[in-house]
N, C-alpha and C. Protein backbone atom coordinates (compact mmCIF):
# COMPACT_ATOMS: atom_id res chain seq x y z
N MET A 1 -3.38 -3.28 -0.20
CA MET A 1 -2.34 -4.09 0.40
C MET A 1 -2.30 -5.42 -0.32
N ILE A 2 -1.14 -5.79 -0.77
CA ILE A 2 -0.94 -7.04 -1.49
C ILE A 2 -0.22 -8.01 -0.56
N VAL A 3 -0.80 -9.17 -0.37
CA VAL A 3 -0.21 -10.20 0.48
C VAL A 3 -0.05 -11.48 -0.32
N GLN A 4 1.14 -12.05 -0.28
CA GLN A 4 1.39 -13.36 -0.88
C GLN A 4 2.17 -14.19 0.11
N ASN A 5 1.71 -15.39 0.34
CA ASN A 5 2.38 -16.30 1.27
C ASN A 5 2.61 -15.66 2.64
N GLN A 6 1.58 -14.94 3.10
CA GLN A 6 1.59 -14.29 4.41
C GLN A 6 2.66 -13.19 4.53
N LYS A 7 3.09 -12.66 3.39
CA LYS A 7 4.04 -11.55 3.38
C LYS A 7 3.45 -10.38 2.61
N ILE A 8 3.77 -9.17 3.08
CA ILE A 8 3.20 -7.94 2.54
C ILE A 8 4.13 -7.34 1.49
N CYS A 9 3.56 -6.96 0.37
CA CYS A 9 4.31 -6.33 -0.71
C CYS A 9 4.58 -4.86 -0.36
N LEU A 10 5.84 -4.49 -0.41
CA LEU A 10 6.25 -3.10 -0.21
C LEU A 10 7.18 -2.70 -1.34
N VAL A 11 7.22 -1.40 -1.61
CA VAL A 11 8.10 -0.87 -2.65
C VAL A 11 9.01 0.19 -2.04
N ARG A 12 10.22 0.28 -2.61
CA ARG A 12 11.18 1.31 -2.21
C ARG A 12 11.35 2.27 -3.38
N GLY A 13 11.08 3.53 -3.13
CA GLY A 13 11.16 4.53 -4.19
C GLY A 13 12.58 4.81 -4.62
N GLN A 14 12.71 5.33 -5.83
CA GLN A 14 14.02 5.72 -6.35
C GLN A 14 14.67 6.73 -5.41
N GLY A 15 15.91 6.50 -5.06
CA GLY A 15 16.65 7.42 -4.21
C GLY A 15 16.22 7.45 -2.76
N GLU A 16 15.42 6.48 -2.34
CA GLU A 16 14.93 6.44 -0.97
C GLU A 16 15.47 5.21 -0.25
N ASP A 17 15.53 5.30 1.07
CA ASP A 17 15.97 4.18 1.89
C ASP A 17 14.81 3.51 2.61
N THR A 18 13.61 4.07 2.44
CA THR A 18 12.44 3.56 3.16
C THR A 18 11.44 2.94 2.19
N TRP A 19 10.50 2.19 2.77
CA TRP A 19 9.55 1.39 2.00
C TRP A 19 8.12 1.81 2.31
N ALA A 20 7.20 1.50 1.38
CA ALA A 20 5.78 1.81 1.56
C ALA A 20 4.94 0.84 0.75
N LEU A 21 3.65 0.84 1.02
CA LEU A 21 2.72 0.08 0.19
C LEU A 21 2.69 0.71 -1.20
N PRO A 22 2.53 -0.09 -2.25
CA PRO A 22 2.33 0.51 -3.57
C PRO A 22 1.06 1.36 -3.55
N GLY A 23 1.09 2.48 -4.24
CA GLY A 23 -0.10 3.33 -4.29
C GLY A 23 0.25 4.72 -4.74
N GLY A 24 -0.75 5.57 -4.75
CA GLY A 24 -0.53 6.94 -5.17
C GLY A 24 -1.81 7.73 -5.09
N PHE A 25 -1.75 8.94 -5.62
CA PHE A 25 -2.91 9.82 -5.61
C PHE A 25 -3.93 9.36 -6.65
N GLY A 26 -5.20 9.46 -6.30
CA GLY A 26 -6.26 9.13 -7.24
C GLY A 26 -6.40 10.21 -8.30
N GLU A 27 -6.62 9.79 -9.52
CA GLU A 27 -6.82 10.72 -10.62
C GLU A 27 -8.30 10.94 -10.85
N VAL A 28 -8.65 12.17 -11.12
CA VAL A 28 -10.04 12.53 -11.40
C VAL A 28 -10.52 11.78 -12.64
N GLY A 29 -11.73 11.27 -12.57
CA GLY A 29 -12.31 10.53 -13.69
C GLY A 29 -12.16 9.03 -13.59
N TYR A 30 -11.35 8.57 -12.63
CA TYR A 30 -11.18 7.14 -12.40
C TYR A 30 -11.89 6.77 -11.09
N SER A 31 -12.46 5.58 -11.05
CA SER A 31 -13.04 5.09 -9.81
C SER A 31 -11.90 4.69 -8.87
N PRO A 32 -12.19 4.50 -7.58
CA PRO A 32 -11.12 4.04 -6.67
C PRO A 32 -10.44 2.76 -7.16
N LYS A 33 -11.22 1.78 -7.59
CA LYS A 33 -10.62 0.52 -8.04
C LYS A 33 -9.80 0.71 -9.32
N GLU A 34 -10.25 1.57 -10.23
CA GLU A 34 -9.47 1.84 -11.44
C GLU A 34 -8.14 2.50 -11.08
N ASN A 35 -8.19 3.45 -10.14
CA ASN A 35 -6.96 4.10 -9.69
C ASN A 35 -6.01 3.10 -9.06
N ILE A 36 -6.52 2.20 -8.26
CA ILE A 36 -5.67 1.20 -7.60
C ILE A 36 -5.01 0.29 -8.63
N ARG A 37 -5.79 -0.21 -9.57
CA ARG A 37 -5.21 -1.08 -10.61
C ARG A 37 -4.11 -0.34 -11.38
N LYS A 38 -4.35 0.92 -11.70
CA LYS A 38 -3.39 1.73 -12.44
C LYS A 38 -2.11 1.92 -11.62
N GLU A 39 -2.25 2.29 -10.36
CA GLU A 39 -1.07 2.52 -9.51
C GLU A 39 -0.27 1.23 -9.27
N VAL A 40 -0.97 0.13 -9.02
CA VAL A 40 -0.27 -1.13 -8.80
C VAL A 40 0.52 -1.51 -10.05
N GLN A 41 -0.10 -1.36 -11.21
CA GLN A 41 0.61 -1.71 -12.44
C GLN A 41 1.80 -0.78 -12.68
N GLU A 42 1.62 0.52 -12.48
CA GLU A 42 2.71 1.47 -12.69
C GLU A 42 3.88 1.21 -11.75
N GLU A 43 3.60 0.91 -10.49
CA GLU A 43 4.66 0.78 -9.50
C GLU A 43 5.26 -0.62 -9.42
N THR A 44 4.45 -1.64 -9.70
CA THR A 44 4.96 -3.01 -9.53
C THR A 44 5.15 -3.77 -10.84
N GLY A 45 4.49 -3.35 -11.92
CA GLY A 45 4.54 -4.09 -13.17
C GLY A 45 3.52 -5.21 -13.24
N PHE A 46 2.73 -5.39 -12.17
CA PHE A 46 1.75 -6.46 -12.12
C PHE A 46 0.33 -5.94 -12.34
N PHE A 47 -0.50 -6.75 -12.93
CA PHE A 47 -1.93 -6.49 -12.96
C PHE A 47 -2.49 -7.00 -11.65
N ALA A 48 -3.52 -6.33 -11.13
CA ALA A 48 -4.05 -6.72 -9.82
C ALA A 48 -5.56 -6.79 -9.84
N GLU A 49 -6.07 -7.67 -9.01
CA GLU A 49 -7.51 -7.73 -8.73
C GLU A 49 -7.71 -7.01 -7.40
N VAL A 50 -8.65 -6.06 -7.40
CA VAL A 50 -8.91 -5.26 -6.21
C VAL A 50 -10.07 -5.88 -5.44
N GLY A 51 -9.83 -6.16 -4.18
CA GLY A 51 -10.84 -6.77 -3.33
C GLY A 51 -11.52 -5.76 -2.44
N SER A 52 -11.67 -6.11 -1.19
CA SER A 52 -12.44 -5.29 -0.25
C SER A 52 -11.61 -4.17 0.38
N LEU A 53 -12.32 -3.16 0.84
CA LEU A 53 -11.70 -2.04 1.52
C LEU A 53 -11.30 -2.49 2.93
N LEU A 54 -10.02 -2.36 3.25
CA LEU A 54 -9.53 -2.74 4.57
C LEU A 54 -9.60 -1.58 5.55
N ALA A 55 -9.21 -0.38 5.08
CA ALA A 55 -9.12 0.76 6.00
C ALA A 55 -9.14 2.08 5.27
N VAL A 56 -9.58 3.11 6.00
CA VAL A 56 -9.46 4.49 5.55
C VAL A 56 -8.71 5.23 6.66
N PHE A 57 -7.55 5.76 6.31
CA PHE A 57 -6.72 6.47 7.27
C PHE A 57 -6.74 7.97 7.01
N ASP A 58 -6.83 8.75 8.07
CA ASP A 58 -6.61 10.19 8.02
C ASP A 58 -5.11 10.36 8.23
N THR A 59 -4.40 10.84 7.21
CA THR A 59 -2.93 10.88 7.29
C THR A 59 -2.44 11.68 8.49
N ASN A 60 -3.15 12.72 8.88
CA ASN A 60 -2.68 13.54 10.00
C ASN A 60 -2.91 12.90 11.36
N ARG A 61 -3.71 11.87 11.42
CA ARG A 61 -3.92 11.19 12.71
C ARG A 61 -2.67 10.41 13.12
N PHE A 62 -1.93 9.94 12.14
CA PHE A 62 -0.76 9.11 12.42
C PHE A 62 0.56 9.84 12.22
N GLN A 63 0.58 10.81 11.33
CA GLN A 63 1.81 11.53 11.01
C GLN A 63 1.44 12.91 10.49
N MET A 64 1.63 13.95 11.30
CA MET A 64 1.27 15.30 10.88
C MET A 64 2.03 15.69 9.62
N GLN A 65 1.29 16.24 8.67
CA GLN A 65 1.87 16.67 7.41
C GLN A 65 1.33 18.04 7.05
N SER A 66 1.92 18.66 6.05
CA SER A 66 1.49 20.00 5.66
C SER A 66 0.11 19.98 5.00
N LYS A 67 -0.26 18.82 4.44
CA LYS A 67 -1.58 18.65 3.82
C LYS A 67 -2.22 17.41 4.41
N GLN A 68 -3.53 17.43 4.48
CA GLN A 68 -4.26 16.30 5.05
C GLN A 68 -4.90 15.48 3.94
N TYR A 69 -4.74 14.16 4.00
CA TYR A 69 -5.28 13.26 2.99
C TYR A 69 -6.05 12.13 3.67
N ALA A 70 -6.98 11.57 2.91
CA ALA A 70 -7.62 10.31 3.31
C ALA A 70 -6.97 9.22 2.47
N LYS A 71 -6.48 8.19 3.14
CA LYS A 71 -5.81 7.08 2.46
C LYS A 71 -6.72 5.87 2.52
N PHE A 72 -7.09 5.35 1.35
CA PHE A 72 -7.94 4.17 1.24
C PHE A 72 -7.04 2.98 0.93
N VAL A 73 -7.14 1.92 1.74
CA VAL A 73 -6.31 0.74 1.53
C VAL A 73 -7.23 -0.45 1.27
N PHE A 74 -7.06 -1.06 0.10
CA PHE A 74 -7.85 -2.21 -0.31
C PHE A 74 -6.98 -3.46 -0.32
N ASP A 75 -7.61 -4.59 -0.12
CA ASP A 75 -6.97 -5.89 -0.27
C ASP A 75 -6.83 -6.15 -1.77
N CYS A 76 -5.63 -6.44 -2.23
CA CYS A 76 -5.40 -6.70 -3.66
C CYS A 76 -4.68 -8.03 -3.84
N ARG A 77 -4.89 -8.59 -5.02
CA ARG A 77 -4.22 -9.85 -5.38
C ARG A 77 -3.54 -9.65 -6.72
N LEU A 78 -2.25 -10.00 -6.78
CA LEU A 78 -1.52 -9.89 -8.04
C LEU A 78 -1.97 -10.99 -8.99
N LEU A 79 -2.17 -10.62 -10.25
CA LEU A 79 -2.60 -11.59 -11.25
C LEU A 79 -1.42 -12.06 -12.09
N ASP A 80 -0.86 -11.18 -12.87
CA ASP A 80 0.30 -11.56 -13.67
C ASP A 80 1.11 -10.31 -13.97
N GLY A 81 2.33 -10.53 -14.40
CA GLY A 81 3.24 -9.44 -14.70
C GLY A 81 4.60 -9.72 -14.09
N ASP A 82 5.50 -8.78 -14.26
CA ASP A 82 6.85 -8.90 -13.73
C ASP A 82 7.31 -7.53 -13.26
N PHE A 83 7.97 -7.51 -12.10
CA PHE A 83 8.51 -6.24 -11.61
C PHE A 83 9.73 -5.85 -12.42
N GLN A 84 9.75 -4.57 -12.80
CA GLN A 84 10.92 -3.98 -13.41
C GLN A 84 11.11 -2.61 -12.78
N GLU A 85 12.34 -2.33 -12.41
CA GLU A 85 12.64 -1.01 -11.86
C GLU A 85 12.10 0.05 -12.82
N ASN A 86 11.53 1.13 -12.26
CA ASN A 86 10.93 2.17 -13.08
C ASN A 86 11.24 3.54 -12.51
N GLN A 87 10.64 4.58 -13.08
CA GLN A 87 10.93 5.96 -12.66
C GLN A 87 10.64 6.20 -11.19
N GLU A 88 9.60 5.54 -10.67
CA GLU A 88 9.18 5.76 -9.29
C GLU A 88 9.77 4.76 -8.31
N VAL A 89 9.89 3.50 -8.72
CA VAL A 89 10.20 2.42 -7.79
C VAL A 89 11.51 1.73 -8.16
N ALA A 90 12.42 1.64 -7.17
CA ALA A 90 13.70 0.98 -7.37
C ALA A 90 13.66 -0.50 -7.05
N GLU A 91 12.78 -0.86 -6.10
CA GLU A 91 12.80 -2.24 -5.60
C GLU A 91 11.44 -2.63 -5.05
N LEU A 92 11.11 -3.90 -5.20
CA LEU A 92 9.86 -4.47 -4.67
C LEU A 92 10.25 -5.67 -3.82
N GLY A 93 9.59 -5.82 -2.67
CA GLY A 93 9.86 -6.96 -1.83
C GLY A 93 8.63 -7.39 -1.05
N PHE A 94 8.65 -8.61 -0.54
CA PHE A 94 7.58 -9.13 0.29
C PHE A 94 8.15 -9.38 1.69
N PHE A 95 7.46 -8.85 2.71
CA PHE A 95 7.99 -8.86 4.06
C PHE A 95 6.98 -9.40 5.06
N ASP A 96 7.50 -10.14 6.02
CA ASP A 96 6.68 -10.61 7.14
C ASP A 96 6.33 -9.40 8.00
N ILE A 97 5.12 -9.38 8.55
CA ILE A 97 4.67 -8.25 9.36
C ILE A 97 5.60 -8.03 10.57
N SER A 98 6.26 -9.07 11.03
CA SER A 98 7.15 -8.95 12.19
C SER A 98 8.57 -8.55 11.79
N ALA A 99 8.83 -8.42 10.50
CA ALA A 99 10.18 -8.09 10.04
C ALA A 99 10.13 -7.06 8.91
N LEU A 100 9.38 -5.98 9.13
CA LEU A 100 9.25 -4.95 8.10
C LEU A 100 10.54 -4.13 8.01
N PRO A 101 10.87 -3.67 6.80
CA PRO A 101 12.02 -2.78 6.65
C PRO A 101 11.64 -1.38 7.15
N PRO A 102 12.60 -0.44 7.15
CA PRO A 102 12.25 0.94 7.54
C PRO A 102 11.14 1.47 6.64
N LEU A 103 10.10 2.02 7.25
CA LEU A 103 8.94 2.49 6.49
C LEU A 103 9.03 3.99 6.22
N SER A 104 8.45 4.40 5.10
CA SER A 104 8.30 5.81 4.77
C SER A 104 7.14 6.34 5.61
N GLU A 105 7.45 6.94 6.74
CA GLU A 105 6.45 7.33 7.74
C GLU A 105 5.40 8.31 7.20
N LYS A 106 5.72 9.07 6.17
CA LYS A 106 4.72 9.97 5.59
C LYS A 106 3.69 9.19 4.78
N ARG A 107 4.05 7.99 4.37
CA ARG A 107 3.14 7.17 3.55
C ARG A 107 2.42 6.11 4.37
N ILE A 108 3.14 5.47 5.27
CA ILE A 108 2.55 4.40 6.07
C ILE A 108 3.36 4.24 7.36
N THR A 109 2.68 4.13 8.46
CA THR A 109 3.37 3.95 9.74
C THR A 109 3.28 2.48 10.17
N LYS A 110 4.10 2.12 11.13
CA LYS A 110 4.05 0.75 11.67
C LYS A 110 2.69 0.49 12.30
N GLU A 111 2.14 1.50 12.99
CA GLU A 111 0.81 1.34 13.59
C GLU A 111 -0.25 1.07 12.52
N GLN A 112 -0.18 1.78 11.41
CA GLN A 112 -1.14 1.54 10.33
C GLN A 112 -0.95 0.14 9.73
N MET A 113 0.30 -0.29 9.58
CA MET A 113 0.56 -1.63 9.05
C MET A 113 -0.02 -2.69 9.98
N ASP A 114 0.14 -2.49 11.27
CA ASP A 114 -0.42 -3.44 12.24
C ASP A 114 -1.94 -3.50 12.14
N ILE A 115 -2.57 -2.35 12.00
CA ILE A 115 -4.03 -2.30 11.84
C ILE A 115 -4.45 -3.03 10.58
N LEU A 116 -3.77 -2.75 9.47
CA LEU A 116 -4.10 -3.41 8.21
C LEU A 116 -3.95 -4.92 8.31
N TRP A 117 -2.89 -5.37 8.96
CA TRP A 117 -2.65 -6.81 9.10
C TRP A 117 -3.76 -7.46 9.92
N GLN A 118 -4.18 -6.79 11.00
CA GLN A 118 -5.26 -7.32 11.83
C GLN A 118 -6.57 -7.41 11.05
N VAL A 119 -6.87 -6.40 10.25
CA VAL A 119 -8.09 -6.43 9.43
C VAL A 119 -7.97 -7.55 8.39
N TYR A 120 -6.83 -7.62 7.73
CA TYR A 120 -6.60 -8.65 6.71
C TYR A 120 -6.76 -10.05 7.29
N GLN A 121 -6.27 -10.25 8.51
CA GLN A 121 -6.33 -11.56 9.16
C GLN A 121 -7.70 -11.85 9.78
N GLY A 122 -8.61 -10.88 9.74
CA GLY A 122 -9.93 -11.06 10.32
C GLY A 122 -9.96 -10.89 11.82
N GLU A 123 -8.92 -10.29 12.39
CA GLU A 123 -8.83 -10.10 13.84
C GLU A 123 -9.54 -8.83 14.29
N ARG A 124 -9.87 -7.97 13.35
CA ARG A 124 -10.64 -6.76 13.67
C ARG A 124 -11.43 -6.37 12.43
N LYS A 125 -12.43 -5.55 12.64
CA LYS A 125 -13.29 -5.10 11.53
C LYS A 125 -12.58 -4.03 10.72
N GLN A 126 -13.15 -3.76 9.56
CA GLN A 126 -12.66 -2.67 8.72
C GLN A 126 -12.39 -1.44 9.57
N TYR A 127 -11.28 -0.77 9.30
CA TYR A 127 -10.88 0.38 10.11
C TYR A 127 -11.16 1.68 9.36
N VAL A 128 -11.78 2.64 10.04
CA VAL A 128 -12.00 3.97 9.47
C VAL A 128 -11.71 5.00 10.56
N ASP A 129 -10.80 5.94 10.27
CA ASP A 129 -10.52 7.03 11.22
C ASP A 129 -11.74 7.89 11.39
């Protein structure tokens, strides 16, 4: 999760009307932090510093899907770069937690965003399903 000026970075995929945290599937042979840096750069155009683990979500606990995944969400900080529309992402924006756009429920739910925000703000401990 990338936060700047108390706003959360979200991306809108090509041909989609909903938004999600930048991220993707981990590739074999990369560490979690290497995968995160790679995904952030691919989707946002920015280099990122990966901080602490905020939460581990069981995707089926919040939104039943045909496959079950564990989603790891880390606190990240953008270093440098520029967003440019790409094959995966049409738009990048920063949103207040109280004014989020429509979310891609298969990727992130409002309940998960609220949990992440509470952990980020130090209002609750690291979350693990």
